[in-house]
Structure formats: C-alpha cells, structure tokens
C-alpha cells in the first residue's frame, strides 16, 4: 500500500510539471506573438496556422497512442 501511495504521489507531481510546462510554453508563445512588430492581420494568420498545425499533430499523436493502448489491451486480454 505504501508503494502505491508513493507511486501515486510521484505520478501526480509529474502530471503537474507537464501541465505547468505546457502552460508556460503557451503563455510565452502568446506573449511573443502579440508583442512582435507585425500587423494584426499577419499575426492572426500566423497564430491560426500554428494552431492548425498543432491540432493536426495532436490528433495524429492521439491516434497513435490510442492504437498502442488498444494493442496492449488486446495482448493483456489474450494473456489472461
């Protein structure tokens, strides 16, 4: 039980670090884009393009992770 509690505590800490890092990166990129010496229209186009790229990458990574999880679940159930 103690090992589980230590594992859970470590997992929660890792998740918080990852979320904090992602939030910091997003805030830094947003501040950098908004203070850049470009016209508003051009900045909005850049933000829109990067958002689309990021979303497509996230969808691809999510699909790959989903496939890996399903494969592992099938392996685990076949072992049982």
PDB file of N, CA and C in Angstrom:
ATOM      1  N   UNK A   1       0.826  -1.193   0.000  1.00  0.00           N
ATOM      2  CA  UNK A   1       0.000   0.000   0.000  1.00  0.00           C
ATOM      3  C   UNK A   1       0.872   1.259   0.000  1.00  0.00           C
ATOM      4  N   UNK A   2       1.954   1.207   0.783  1.00  0.00           N
ATOM      5  CA  UNK A   2       2.831   2.364   0.860  1.00  0.00           C
ATOM      6  C   UNK A   2       3.480   2.656  -0.494  1.00  0.00           C
ATOM      7  N   UNK A   3       3.897   1.597  -1.196  1.00  0.00           N
ATOM      8  CA  UNK A   3       4.498   1.780  -2.520  1.00  0.00           C
ATOM      9  C   UNK A   3       3.510   2.415  -3.484  1.00  0.00           C
ATOM     10  N   UNK A   4       2.247   1.995  -3.393  1.00  0.00           N
ATOM     11  CA  UNK A   4       1.220   2.580  -4.268  1.00  0.00           C
ATOM     12  C   UNK A   4       1.065   4.059  -3.987  1.00  0.00           C
ATOM     13  N   UNK A   5       1.054   4.434  -2.716  1.00  0.00           N
ATOM     14  CA  UNK A   5       0.887   5.844  -2.355  1.00  0.00           C
ATOM     15  C   UNK A   5       2.068   6.669  -2.849  1.00  0.00           C
ATOM     16  N   UNK A   6       3.281   6.113  -2.742  1.00  0.00           N
ATOM     17  CA  UNK A   6       4.453   6.819  -3.252  1.00  0.00           C
ATOM     18  C   UNK A   6       4.387   6.962  -4.763  1.00  0.00           C
ATOM     19  N   UNK A   7       3.956   5.900  -5.449  1.00  0.00           N
ATOM     20  CA  UNK A   7       3.820   5.940  -6.908  1.00  0.00           C
ATOM     21  C   UNK A   7       2.790   6.982  -7.313  1.00  0.00           C
ATOM     22  N   UNK A   8       1.657   7.002  -6.589  1.00  0.00           N
ATOM     23  CA  UNK A   8       0.594   7.951  -6.909  1.00  0.00           C
ATOM     24  C   UNK A   8       1.081   9.380  -6.701  1.00  0.00           C
ATOM     25  N   UNK A   9       1.819   9.621  -5.629  1.00  0.00           N
ATOM     26  CA  UNK A   9       2.341  10.948  -5.355  1.00  0.00           C
ATOM     27  C   UNK A   9       3.307  11.384  -6.459  1.00  0.00           C
ATOM     28  N   UNK A  10       4.187  10.471  -6.894  1.00  0.00           N
ATOM     29  CA  UNK A  10       5.132  10.769  -7.957  1.00  0.00           C
ATOM     30  C   UNK A  10       4.404  11.042  -9.274  1.00  0.00           C
ATOM     31  N   UNK A  11       3.371  10.270  -9.568  1.00  0.00           N
ATOM     32  CA  UNK A  11       2.595  10.450 -10.789  1.00  0.00           C
ATOM     33  C   UNK A  11       1.898  11.802 -10.791  1.00  0.00           C
ATOM     34  N   UNK A  12       1.295  12.183  -9.667  1.00  0.00           N
ATOM     35  CA  UNK A  12       0.620  13.477  -9.591  1.00  0.00           C
ATOM     36  C   UNK A  12       1.609  14.619  -9.797  1.00  0.00           C
ATOM     37  N   UNK A  13       2.795  14.505  -9.207  1.00  0.00           N
ATOM     38  CA  UNK A  13       3.819  15.533  -9.361  1.00  0.00           C
ATOM     39  C   UNK A  13       4.249  15.651 -10.813  1.00  0.00           C
ATOM     40  N   UNK A  14       4.472  14.530 -11.467  1.00  0.00           N
ATOM     41  CA  UNK A  14       4.893  14.536 -12.863  1.00  0.00           C
ATOM     42  C   UNK A  14       3.831  15.187 -13.735  1.00  0.00           C
ATOM     43  N   UNK A  15       2.570  14.868 -13.495  1.00  0.00           N
ATOM     44  CA  UNK A  15       1.477  15.467 -14.264  1.00  0.00           C
ATOM     45  C   UNK A  15       1.431  16.971 -14.095  1.00  0.00           C
ATOM     46  N   UNK A  16       1.656  17.430 -12.867  1.00  0.00           N
ATOM     47  CA  UNK A  16       1.636  18.875 -12.605  1.00  0.00           C
ATOM     48  C   UNK A  16       2.792  19.568 -13.316  1.00  0.00           C
ATOM     49  N   UNK A  17       3.948  18.929 -13.337  1.00  0.00           N
ATOM     50  CA  UNK A  17       5.103  19.514 -14.019  1.00  0.00           C
ATOM     51  C   UNK A  17       4.833  19.612 -15.514  1.00  0.00           C
ATOM     52  N   UNK A  18       4.264  18.563 -16.091  1.00  0.00           N
ATOM     53  CA  UNK A  18       3.965  18.567 -17.525  1.00  0.00           C
ATOM     54  C   UNK A  18       2.948  19.642 -17.857  1.00  0.00           C
ATOM     55  N   UNK A  19       1.886  19.738 -17.079  1.00  0.00           N
ATOM     56  CA  UNK A  19       0.859  20.755 -17.327  1.00  0.00           C
ATOM     57  C   UNK A  19       1.444  22.155 -17.173  1.00  0.00           C
ATOM     58  N   UNK A  20       2.261  22.354 -16.147  1.00  0.00           N
ATOM     59  CA  UNK A  20       2.892  23.656 -15.942  1.00  0.00           C
ATOM     60  C   UNK A  20       3.812  24.035 -17.083  1.00  0.00           C
ATOM     61  N   UNK A  21       4.557  23.061 -17.582  1.00  0.00           N
ATOM     62  CA  UNK A  21       5.465  23.312 -18.702  1.00  0.00           C
ATOM     63  C   UNK A  21       4.690  23.703 -19.950  1.00  0.00           C
ATOM     64  N   UNK A  22       3.633  22.964 -20.246  1.00  0.00           N
ATOM     65  CA  UNK A  22       2.813  23.270 -21.420  1.00  0.00           C
ATOM     66  C   UNK A  22       2.178  24.646 -21.298  1.00  0.00           C
ATOM     67  N   UNK A  23       1.677  24.964 -20.105  1.00  0.00           N
ATOM     68  CA  UNK A  23       1.069  26.281 -19.898  1.00  0.00           C
ATOM     69  C   UNK A  23       2.097  27.393 -20.064  1.00  0.00           C
ATOM     70  N   UNK A  24       3.304  27.180 -19.559  1.00  0.00           N
ATOM     71  CA  UNK A  24       4.363  28.177 -19.700  1.00  0.00           C
ATOM     72  C   UNK A  24       4.771  28.400 -21.140  1.00  0.00           C
ATOM     73  N   UNK A  25       4.880  27.315 -21.879  1.00  0.00           N
ATOM     74  CA  UNK A  25       5.224  27.425 -23.295  1.00  0.00           C
ATOM     75  C   UNK A  25       4.136  28.191 -24.041  1.00  0.00           C
ATOM     76  N   UNK A  26       2.883  27.844 -23.777  1.00  0.00           N
ATOM     77  CA  UNK A  26       1.771  28.523 -24.451  1.00  0.00           C
ATOM     78  C   UNK A  26       1.756  30.013 -24.113  1.00  0.00           C
ATOM     79  N   UNK A  27       1.974  30.348 -22.843  1.00  0.00           N
ATOM     80  CA  UNK A  27       1.979  31.755 -22.437  1.00  0.00           C
ATOM     81  C   UNK A  27       3.136  32.504 -23.093  1.00  0.00           C
ATOM     82  N   UNK A  28       4.298  31.870 -23.153  1.00  0.00           N
ATOM     83  CA  UNK A  28       5.452  32.514 -23.777  1.00  0.00           C
ATOM     84  C   UNK A  28       5.252  32.747 -25.265  1.00  0.00           C
ATOM     85  N   UNK A  29       4.713  31.742 -25.948  1.00  0.00           N
ATOM     86  CA  UNK A  29       4.453  31.900 -27.382  1.00  0.00           C
ATOM     87  C   UNK A  29       3.420  32.995 -27.640  1.00  0.00           C
ATOM     88  N   UNK A  30       2.371  32.997 -26.827  1.00  0.00           N
ATOM     89  CA  UNK A  30       1.326  34.013 -26.993  1.00  0.00           C
ATOM     90  C   UNK A  30       1.896  35.408 -26.767  1.00  0.00           C
ATOM     91  N   UNK A  31       2.655  35.585 -25.706  1.00  0.00           N
ATOM     92  CA  UNK A  31       3.233  36.900 -25.426  1.00  0.00           C
ATOM     93  C   UNK A  31       4.191  37.313 -26.544  1.00  0.00           C
ATOM     94  N   UNK A  32       4.983  36.370 -27.022  1.00  0.00           N
ATOM     95  CA  UNK A  32       5.923  36.682 -28.100  1.00  0.00           C
ATOM     96  C   UNK A  32       5.226  37.084 -29.388  1.00  0.00           C
ATOM     97  N   UNK A  33       4.157  36.382 -29.712  1.00  0.00           N
ATOM     98  CA  UNK A  33       3.430  36.704 -30.945  1.00  0.00           C
ATOM     99  C   UNK A  33       2.697  38.034 -30.834  1.00  0.00           C
ATOM    100  N   UNK A  34       2.133  38.300 -29.663  1.00  0.00           N
ATOM    101  CA  UNK A  34       1.359  39.528 -29.508  1.00  0.00           C
ATOM    102  C   UNK A  34       2.242  40.771 -29.426  1.00  0.00           C
ATOM    103  N   UNK A  35       3.476  40.626 -29.015  1.00  0.00           N
ATOM    104  CA  UNK A  35       4.359  41.791 -28.923  1.00  0.00           C
ATOM    105  C   UNK A  35       5.288  41.912 -30.129  1.00  0.00           C
ATOM    106  N   UNK A  36       5.160  41.013 -31.074  1.00  0.00           N
ATOM    107  CA  UNK A  36       6.004  41.063 -32.271  1.00  0.00           C
ATOM    108  C   UNK A  36       5.624  42.272 -33.133  1.00  0.00           C
ATOM    109  N   UNK A  37       6.606  42.859 -33.806  1.00  0.00           N
ATOM    110  CA  UNK A  37       6.329  44.048 -34.624  1.00  0.00           C
ATOM    111  C   UNK A  37       5.737  43.679 -35.990  1.00  0.00           C
ATOM    112  N   UNK A  38       4.535  43.133 -35.982  1.00  0.00           N
ATOM    113  CA  UNK A  38       3.825  42.766 -37.216  1.00  0.00           C
ATOM    114  C   UNK A  38       2.423  43.368 -37.169  1.00  0.00           C
ATOM    115  N   UNK A  39       1.821  43.509 -38.324  1.00  0.00           N
ATOM    116  CA  UNK A  39       0.421  43.939 -38.335  1.00  0.00           C
ATOM    117  C   UNK A  39      -0.478  42.867 -37.699  1.00  0.00           C
ATOM    118  N   UNK A  40      -1.612  43.279 -37.167  1.00  0.00           N
ATOM    119  CA  UNK A  40      -2.539  42.367 -36.503  1.00  0.00           C
ATOM    120  C   UNK A  40      -3.012  41.234 -37.396  1.00  0.00           C
ATOM    121  N   UNK A  41      -3.335  41.540 -38.648  1.00  0.00           N
ATOM    122  CA  UNK A  41      -3.830  40.518 -39.572  1.00  0.00           C
ATOM    123  C   UNK A  41      -2.781  39.421 -39.773  1.00  0.00           C
ATOM    124  N   UNK A  42      -1.534  39.825 -39.968  1.00  0.00           N
ATOM    125  CA  UNK A  42      -0.461  38.857 -40.183  1.00  0.00           C
ATOM    126  C   UNK A  42      -0.251  37.990 -38.927  1.00  0.00           C
ATOM    127  N   UNK A  43      -0.303  38.617 -37.772  1.00  0.00           N
ATOM    128  CA  UNK A  43      -0.147  37.871 -36.519  1.00  0.00           C
ATOM    129  C   UNK A  43      -1.270  36.863 -36.354  1.00  0.00           C
ATOM    130  N   UNK A  44      -2.488  37.260 -36.651  1.00  0.00           N
ATOM    131  CA  UNK A  44      -3.625  36.333 -36.544  1.00  0.00           C
ATOM    132  C   UNK A  44      -3.486  35.164 -37.510  1.00  0.00           C
ATOM    133  N   UNK A  45      -2.983  35.434 -38.712  1.00  0.00           N
ATOM    134  CA  UNK A  45      -2.767  34.354 -39.676  1.00  0.00           C
ATOM    135  C   UNK A  45      -1.706  33.372 -39.174  1.00  0.00           C
ATOM    136  N   UNK A  46      -0.651  33.897 -38.576  1.00  0.00           N
ATOM    137  CA  UNK A  46       0.404  33.040 -38.032  1.00  0.00           C
ATOM    138  C   UNK A  46      -0.162  32.184 -36.891  1.00  0.00           C
ATOM    139  N   UNK A  47      -0.905  32.810 -35.995  1.00  0.00           N
ATOM    140  CA  UNK A  47      -1.496  32.073 -34.870  1.00  0.00           C
ATOM    141  C   UNK A  47      -2.440  30.997 -35.381  1.00  0.00           C
ATOM    142  N   UNK A  48      -3.259  31.337 -36.350  1.00  0.00           N
ATOM    143  CA  UNK A  48      -4.207  30.378 -36.913  1.00  0.00           C
ATOM    144  C   UNK A  48      -3.483  29.204 -37.568  1.00  0.00           C
ATOM    145  N   UNK A  49      -2.441  29.494 -38.324  1.00  0.00           N
ATOM    146  CA  UNK A  49      -1.681  28.435 -38.990  1.00  0.00           C
ATOM    147  C   UNK A  49      -1.002  27.511 -37.994  1.00  0.00           C
ATOM    148  N   UNK A  50      -0.378  28.090 -36.993  1.00  0.00           N
ATOM    149  CA  UNK A  50       0.308  27.272 -35.983  1.00  0.00           C
ATOM    150  C   UNK A  50      -0.691  26.460 -35.159  1.00  0.00           C
ATOM    151  N   UNK A  51      -1.843  27.035 -34.882  1.00  0.00           N
ATOM    152  CA  UNK A  51      -2.868  26.302 -34.145  1.00  0.00           C
ATOM    153  C   UNK A  51      -3.347  25.106 -34.953  1.00  0.00           C
ATOM    154  N   UNK A  52      -3.566  25.307 -36.236  1.00  0.00           N
ATOM    155  CA  UNK A  52      -3.996  24.201 -37.095  1.00  0.00           C
ATOM    156  C   UNK A  52      -2.941  23.103 -37.150  1.00  0.00           C
ATOM    157  N   UNK A  53      -1.680  23.495 -37.279  1.00  0.00           N
ATOM    158  CA  UNK A  53      -0.593  22.509 -37.306  1.00  0.00           C
ATOM    159  C   UNK A  53      -0.532  21.721 -35.997  1.00  0.00           C
ATOM    160  N   UNK A  54      -0.630  22.442 -34.883  1.00  0.00           N
ATOM    161  CA  UNK A  54      -0.558  21.798 -33.575  1.00  0.00           C
ATOM    162  C   UNK A  54      -1.716  20.838 -33.375  1.00  0.00           C
ATOM    163  N   UNK A  55      -2.913  21.255 -33.754  1.00  0.00           N
ATOM    164  CA  UNK A  55      -4.076  20.378 -33.610  1.00  0.00           C
ATOM    165  C   UNK A  55      -3.948  19.124 -34.464  1.00  0.00           C
ATOM    166  N   UNK A  56      -3.447  19.267 -35.681  1.00  0.00           N
ATOM    167  CA  UNK A  56      -3.295  18.087 -36.531  1.00  0.00           C
ATOM    168  C   UNK A  56      -2.233  17.143 -35.963  1.00  0.00           C
ATOM    169  N   UNK A  57      -1.139  17.688 -35.415  1.00  0.00           N
ATOM    170  CA  UNK A  57      -0.126  16.849 -34.782  1.00  0.00           C
ATOM    171  C   UNK A  57      -0.691  16.139 -33.548  1.00  0.00           C
ATOM    172  N   UNK A  58      -1.473  16.870 -32.757  1.00  0.00           N
ATOM    173  CA  UNK A  58      -2.062  16.272 -31.562  1.00  0.00           C
ATOM    174  C   UNK A  58      -3.027  15.145 -31.937  1.00  0.00           C
ATOM    175  N   UNK A  59      -3.812  15.346 -32.978  1.00  0.00           N
ATOM    176  CA  UNK A  59      -4.734  14.300 -33.427  1.00  0.00           C
ATOM    177  C   UNK A  59      -3.975  13.065 -33.882  1.00  0.00           C
ATOM    178  N   UNK A  60      -2.875  13.288 -34.616  1.00  0.00           N
ATOM    179  CA  UNK A  60      -2.066  12.169 -35.089  1.00  0.00           C
ATOM    180  C   UNK A  60      -1.451  11.416 -33.911  1.00  0.00           C
ATOM    181  N   UNK A  61      -0.890  12.155 -32.953  1.00  0.00           N
ATOM    182  CA  UNK A  61      -0.285  11.523 -31.776  1.00  0.00           C
ATOM    183  C   UNK A  61      -1.327  10.800 -30.936  1.00  0.00           C
ATOM    184  N   UNK A  62      -2.504  11.379 -30.818  1.00  0.00           N
ATOM    185  CA  UNK A  62      -3.576  10.746 -30.057  1.00  0.00           C
ATOM    186  C   UNK A  62      -4.013   9.448 -30.721  1.00  0.00           C
ATOM    187  N   UNK A  63      -4.109   9.451 -32.033  1.00  0.00           N
ATOM    188  CA  UNK A  63      -4.488   8.240 -32.761  1.00  0.00           C
ATOM    189  C   UNK A  63      -3.426   7.156 -32.589  1.00  0.00           C
ATOM    190  N   UNK A  64      -2.153   7.539 -32.655  1.00  0.00           N
ATOM    191  CA  UNK A  64      -1.080   6.565 -32.461  1.00  0.00           C
ATOM    192  C   UNK A  64      -1.095   5.997 -31.049  1.00  0.00           C
ATOM    193  N   UNK A  65      -1.289   6.857 -30.068  1.00  0.00           N
ATOM    194  CA  UNK A  65      -1.345   6.405 -28.675  1.00  0.00           C
ATOM    195  C   UNK A  65      -2.539   5.488 -28.460  1.00  0.00           C
ATOM    196  N   UNK A  66      -3.665   5.840 -29.059  1.00  0.00           N
ATOM    197  CA  UNK A  66      -4.866   5.014 -28.938  1.00  0.00           C
ATOM    198  C   UNK A  66      -4.605   3.613 -29.495  1.00  0.00           C
ATOM    199  N   UNK A  67      -3.957   3.553 -30.650  1.00  0.00           N
ATOM    200  CA  UNK A  67      -3.652   2.261 -31.259  1.00  0.00           C
ATOM    201  C   UNK A  67      -2.718   1.440 -30.373  1.00  0.00           C
ATOM    202  N   UNK A  68      -1.717   2.096 -29.787  1.00  0.00           N
ATOM    203  CA  UNK A  68      -0.793   1.397 -28.899  1.00  0.00           C
ATOM    204  C   UNK A  68      -1.521   0.844 -27.676  1.00  0.00           C
ATOM    205  N   UNK A  69      -2.404   1.662 -27.103  1.00  0.00           N
ATOM    206  CA  UNK A  69      -3.153   1.227 -25.917  1.00  0.00           C
ATOM    207  C   UNK A  69      -4.064   0.058 -26.268  1.00  0.00           C
ATOM    208  N   UNK A  70      -4.749   0.146 -27.392  1.00  0.00           N
ATOM    209  CA  UNK A  70      -5.621  -0.957 -27.806  1.00  0.00           C
ATOM    210  C   UNK A  70      -4.821  -2.233 -28.039  1.00  0.00           C
ATOM    211  N   UNK A  71      -3.656  -2.088 -28.654  1.00  0.00           N
ATOM    212  CA  UNK A  71      -2.801  -3.253 -28.906  1.00  0.00           C
ATOM    213  C   UNK A  71      -2.352  -3.882 -27.587  1.00  0.00           C
ATOM    214  N   UNK A  72      -1.927  -3.044 -26.635  1.00  0.00           N
ATOM    215  CA  UNK A  72      -1.502  -3.552 -25.339  1.00  0.00           C
ATOM    216  C   UNK A  72      -2.657  -4.215 -24.601  1.00  0.00           C
ATOM    217  N   UNK A  73      -3.859  -3.632 -24.700  1.00  0.00           N
ATOM    218  CA  UNK A  73      -5.032  -4.210 -24.040  1.00  0.00           C
ATOM    219  C   UNK A  73      -5.368  -5.564 -24.661  1.00  0.00           C
ATOM    220  N   UNK A  74      -5.269  -5.662 -25.974  1.00  0.00           N
ATOM    221  CA  UNK A  74      -5.527  -6.950 -26.642  1.00  0.00           C
ATOM    222  C   UNK A  74      -4.502  -7.988 -26.212  1.00  0.00           C
ATOM    223  N   UNK A  75      -3.240  -7.582 -26.093  1.00  0.00           N
ATOM    224  CA  UNK A  75      -2.197  -8.503 -25.635  1.00  0.00           C
ATOM    225  C   UNK A  75      -2.481  -8.974 -24.204  1.00  0.00           C
ATOM    226  N   UNK A  76      -2.869  -8.025 -23.355  1.00  0.00           N
ATOM    227  CA  UNK A  76      -3.132  -8.366 -21.952  1.00  0.00           C
ATOM    228  C   UNK A  76      -4.320  -9.312 -21.826  1.00  0.00           C
ATOM    229  N   UNK A  77      -5.379  -9.066 -22.605  1.00  0.00           N
ATOM    230  CA  UNK A  77      -6.552  -9.932 -22.515  1.00  0.00           C
ATOM    231  C   UNK A  77      -6.270 -11.300 -23.107  1.00  0.00           C
ATOM    232  N   UNK A  78      -5.423 -11.354 -24.132  1.00  0.00           N
ATOM    233  CA  UNK A  78      -5.103 -12.665 -24.716  1.00  0.00           C
ATOM    234  C   UNK A  78      -4.224 -13.481 -23.762  1.00  0.00           C
ATOM    235  N   UNK A  79      -3.391 -12.797 -22.961  1.00  0.00           N
ATOM    236  CA  UNK A  79      -2.558 -13.490 -21.979  1.00  0.00           C
ATOM    237  C   UNK A  79      -3.402 -14.079 -20.851  1.00  0.00           C
ATOM    238  N   UNK A  80      -4.493 -13.421 -20.542  1.00  0.00           N
ATOM    239  CA  UNK A  80      -5.363 -13.894 -19.459  1.00  0.00           C
ATOM    240  C   UNK A  80      -6.123 -15.090 -19.958  1.00  0.00           C
TER     241      UNK A  80
END
